[in-house]
Amino acid sequence: MKKLAVPLILSVGIACSAGDADRRFASLGTAGTGGIYYPLGGAIARMVGEAVAGLQMTAEVTGGSVENLNRVASGEMDVGMA
């Protein structure tokens, strides 16, 4: 059940977020490729993409949690790991 919680929460958040109804892409901010956030983010992006019809989510390399929060707040990124 816990394995489904994160993708489900992300899917619901993306599906319910305000924005262009025709949107087909979403970005997920992770961190550097040397840590755990990047591979985990890749797996989450893949699961969300499989769970939400017509949505392709990609994991993006970032500077980490603080950058992710700032980019989500500014609208540059859809979802960020923190």
Protein backbone atom coordinates (compact mmCIF):
# COMPACT_ATOMS: atom_id res chain seq x y z
CA MET A 1 0.00 0.00 0.00
CA LYS A 2 2.82 2.41 0.87
CA LYS A 3 4.37 1.82 -2.55
CA LEU A 4 1.23 3.18 -4.18
CA ALA A 5 0.82 6.18 -1.88
CA VAL A 6 3.41 8.50 -3.43
CA PRO A 7 2.42 7.97 -7.08
CA LEU A 8 -1.24 8.20 -6.16
CA ILE A 9 -0.74 11.48 -4.29
CA LEU A 10 1.29 12.90 -7.17
CA SER A 11 -1.26 11.74 -9.72
CA VAL A 12 -4.14 13.32 -7.86
CA GLY A 13 -2.19 16.54 -7.34
CA ILE A 14 -1.31 16.84 -10.99
CA ALA A 15 -4.79 15.90 -12.19
CA CYS A 16 -6.41 18.46 -9.88
CA SER A 17 -3.95 21.30 -10.43
CA ALA A 18 -5.03 24.39 -12.29
CA GLY A 19 -3.59 24.83 -15.74
CA ASP A 20 -3.99 24.09 -19.39
CA ALA A 21 -6.49 21.26 -19.91
CA ASP A 22 -4.51 19.94 -22.90
CA ARG A 23 -1.30 19.59 -20.94
CA ARG A 24 0.39 16.27 -21.58
CA PHE A 25 3.78 16.74 -19.92
CA ALA A 26 4.84 17.27 -16.30
CA SER A 27 8.24 17.77 -14.70
CA LEU A 28 9.44 16.26 -11.43
CA GLY A 29 12.44 17.92 -9.79
CA THR A 30 14.82 15.48 -8.13
CA ALA A 31 18.46 16.27 -7.24
CA GLY A 32 21.88 15.33 -8.58
CA THR A 33 22.42 12.00 -10.33
CA GLY A 34 24.66 10.74 -7.53
CA GLY A 35 21.98 10.60 -4.83
CA ILE A 36 18.78 8.68 -4.22
CA TYR A 37 16.32 11.39 -5.37
CA TYR A 38 17.14 11.04 -9.06
CA PRO A 39 16.56 7.28 -9.45
CA LEU A 40 13.57 7.45 -7.11
CA GLY A 41 12.16 10.39 -9.07
CA GLY A 42 12.62 8.47 -12.31
CA ALA A 43 10.64 5.56 -10.90
CA ILE A 44 7.89 7.87 -9.61
CA ALA A 45 7.70 9.68 -12.96
CA ARG A 46 7.39 6.37 -14.78
CA MET A 47 4.64 5.10 -12.43
CA VAL A 48 2.67 8.34 -12.64
CA GLY A 49 2.95 8.29 -16.43
CA GLU A 50 1.57 4.75 -16.48
CA ALA A 51 -1.24 5.59 -14.02
CA VAL A 52 -2.46 8.84 -15.62
CA ALA A 53 -3.65 8.45 -19.20
CA GLY A 54 -2.14 10.97 -21.61
CA LEU A 55 0.45 12.29 -19.16
CA GLN A 56 4.19 11.99 -19.60
CA MET A 57 6.19 12.93 -16.51
CA THR A 58 9.94 13.39 -16.65
CA ALA A 59 12.42 13.48 -13.78
CA GLU A 60 14.74 16.50 -13.94
CA VAL A 61 18.19 16.82 -12.39
CA THR A 62 18.25 19.80 -10.01
CA GLY A 63 20.28 21.19 -7.15
CA GLY A 64 18.05 19.43 -4.62
CA SER A 65 15.15 20.08 -2.26
CA VAL A 66 15.45 23.85 -1.86
CA GLU A 67 15.75 24.42 -5.60
CA ASN A 68 12.80 22.09 -6.19
CA LEU A 69 10.61 24.02 -3.76
CA ASN A 70 11.60 27.34 -5.32
CA ARG A 71 10.97 26.12 -8.87
CA VAL A 72 7.57 24.65 -7.97
CA ALA A 73 6.62 27.90 -6.19
CA SER A 74 7.62 29.95 -9.24
CA GLY A 75 5.73 27.68 -11.64
CA GLU A 76 8.90 26.54 -13.42
CA MET A 77 8.34 22.94 -12.38
CA ASP A 78 5.19 20.95 -11.67
CA VAL A 79 6.34 18.73 -8.79
CA GLY A 80 9.52 18.65 -6.72
CA MET A 81 10.98 16.22 -4.23
CA ALA A 82 11.86 17.78 -0.91
